[in-house]
C-alpha atoms as a PDB file:
ATOM      1  CA  MET A   1     116.745 127.047 113.784  1.00  0.00           C
ATOM      2  CA  ILE A   2     116.180 126.167 117.437  1.00  0.00           C
ATOM      3  CA  PRO A   3     119.640 127.328 118.656  1.00  0.00           C
ATOM      4  CA  ALA A   4     119.314 130.645 116.804  1.00  0.00           C
ATOM      5  CA  SER A   5     115.771 131.191 118.087  1.00  0.00           C
ATOM      6  CA  THR A   6     116.832 130.402 121.624  1.00  0.00           C
ATOM      7  CA  GLY A   7     119.791 132.734 121.246  1.00  0.00           C
ATOM      8  CA  ALA A   8     117.565 135.534 119.960  1.00  0.00           C
ATOM      9  CA  VAL A   9     115.224 135.184 122.940  1.00  0.00           C
ATOM     10  CA  LEU A  10     118.077 135.037 125.454  1.00  0.00           C
ATOM     11  CA  VAL A  11     119.936 138.003 123.961  1.00  0.00           C
ATOM     12  CA  THR A  12     116.707 140.008 123.972  1.00  0.00           C
ATOM     13  CA  LEU A  13     116.026 139.141 127.618  1.00  0.00           C
ATOM     14  CA  ILE A  14     119.587 139.949 128.675  1.00  0.00           C
ATOM     15  CA  THR A  15     119.728 143.304 126.891  1.00  0.00           C
ATOM     16  CA  VAL A  16     116.272 144.393 128.067  1.00  0.00           C
ATOM     17  CA  SER A  17     117.183 143.387 131.622  1.00  0.00           C
ATOM     18  CA  GLY A  18     120.402 145.388 131.335  1.00  0.00           C
ATOM     19  CA  ALA A  19     118.516 148.414 130.035  1.00  0.00           C
ATOM     20  CA  LEU A  20     115.997 148.251 132.878  1.00  0.00           C
ATOM     21  CA  ASN A  21     118.794 147.986 135.449  1.00  0.00           C
ATOM     22  CA  TRP A  22     121.111 150.506 133.776  1.00  0.00           C
ATOM     23  CA  ASN A  23     120.931 153.084 136.589  1.00  0.00           C
ATOM     24  CA  ASP A  24     121.063 150.674 139.538  1.00  0.00           C
ATOM     25  CA  ALA A  25     123.602 151.321 142.282  1.00  0.00           C
ATOM     26  CA  ASP A  26     125.742 148.409 141.031  1.00  0.00           C
ATOM     27  CA  ASN A  27     125.845 149.761 137.473  1.00  0.00           C
ATOM     28  CA  MET A  28     125.779 153.380 136.342  1.00  0.00           C
ATOM     29  CA  GLY A  29     124.669 154.563 139.780  1.00  0.00           C
ATOM     30  CA  ALA A  30     127.897 153.370 141.419  1.00  0.00           C
ATOM     31  CA  PRO A  31     130.492 155.866 142.592  1.00  0.00           C
ATOM     32  CA  GLY A  32     133.040 156.556 139.865  1.00  0.00           C
ATOM     33  CA  SER A  33     130.574 155.912 137.040  1.00  0.00           C
ATOM     34  CA  PRO A  34     130.525 158.391 134.165  1.00  0.00           C
ATOM     35  CA  GLU A  35     128.509 161.534 134.760  1.00  0.00           C
ATOM     36  CA  GLY A  36     127.109 164.303 132.593  1.00  0.00           C
ATOM     37  CA  VAL A  37     128.014 164.149 128.918  1.00  0.00           C
ATOM     38  CA  HIS A  38     130.127 161.023 129.453  1.00  0.00           C
ATOM     39  CA  TYR A  39     127.085 159.194 130.862  1.00  0.00           C
ATOM     40  CA  TRP A  40     124.959 160.125 127.836  1.00  0.00           C
ATOM     41  CA  VAL A  41     127.679 159.172 125.338  1.00  0.00           C
ATOM     42  CA  MET A  42     128.128 155.794 127.010  1.00  0.00           C
ATOM     43  CA  THR A  43     124.362 155.242 127.108  1.00  0.00           C
ATOM     44  CA  ALA A  44     124.055 156.157 123.418  1.00  0.00           C
ATOM     45  CA  CYS A  45     126.838 153.719 122.537  1.00  0.00           C
ATOM     46  CA  TYR A  46     125.110 150.837 124.339  1.00  0.00           C
ATOM     47  CA  LEU A  47     121.608 151.642 123.043  1.00  0.00           C
ATOM     48  CA  PRO A  48     121.970 149.723 119.726  1.00  0.00           C
ATOM     49  CA  LEU A  49     122.474 146.511 121.709  1.00  0.00           C
ATOM     50  CA  LEU A  50     118.712 146.504 122.338  1.00  0.00           C
ATOM     51  CA  ALA A  51     118.201 145.767 118.628  1.00  0.00           C
ATOM     52  CA  TRP A  52     120.566 142.772 118.572  1.00  0.00           C
ATOM     53  CA  GLY A  53     118.077 140.137 119.828  1.00  0.00           C
ATOM     54  CA  PRO A  54     115.106 141.214 117.687  1.00  0.00           C
ATOM     55  CA  LEU A  55     117.324 141.520 114.594  1.00  0.00           C
ATOM     56  CA  LEU A  56     118.723 138.042 115.247  1.00  0.00           C
ATOM     57  CA  ALA A  57     115.136 136.757 115.377  1.00  0.00           C
ATOM     58  CA  VAL A  58     114.371 138.438 112.040  1.00  0.00           C
ATOM     59  CA  VAL A  59     117.385 136.945 110.258  1.00  0.00           C
ATOM     60  CA  THR A  60     116.663 133.544 111.827  1.00  0.00           C
ATOM     61  CA  ALA A  61     113.116 133.606 110.447  1.00  0.00           C
ATOM     62  CA  ALA A  62     114.362 134.763 107.031  1.00  0.00           C
ATOM     63  CA  TYR A  63     116.945 131.971 106.957  1.00  0.00           C
ATOM     64  CA  TYR A  64     114.326 129.390 107.945  1.00  0.00           C
ATOM     65  CA  ARG A  65     111.917 130.583 105.238  1.00  0.00           C
ATOM     66  CA  ARG A  66     114.642 130.588 102.582  1.00  0.00           C
ATOM     67  CA  ARG A  67     115.844 127.087 103.484  1.00  0.00           C
ATOM     68  CA  ARG A  68     112.264 125.785 103.551  1.00  0.00           C
ATOM     69  CA  ARG A  69     111.626 127.110 100.034  1.00  0.00           C
ATOM     70  CA  GLU A  70     114.728 125.396  98.646  1.00  0.00           C
ATOM     71  CA  ARG A  71     113.565 121.888  99.517  1.00  0.00           C
END
């Protein structure tokens, strides 16, 4: 339970940090980065990653509740 919870928090922090810094000069603002439609397609492809951490937290809680009921 503790490793999965820690993982959920860390993945959430990492993906939110990445989303907030998406257009920085070192990321998508760098020369040679995709522009126009290619930028929006790439952004749309990465957008579901924001759900990874919260969904991991949900399945961790569901697993914990299920295992607690079985005892």
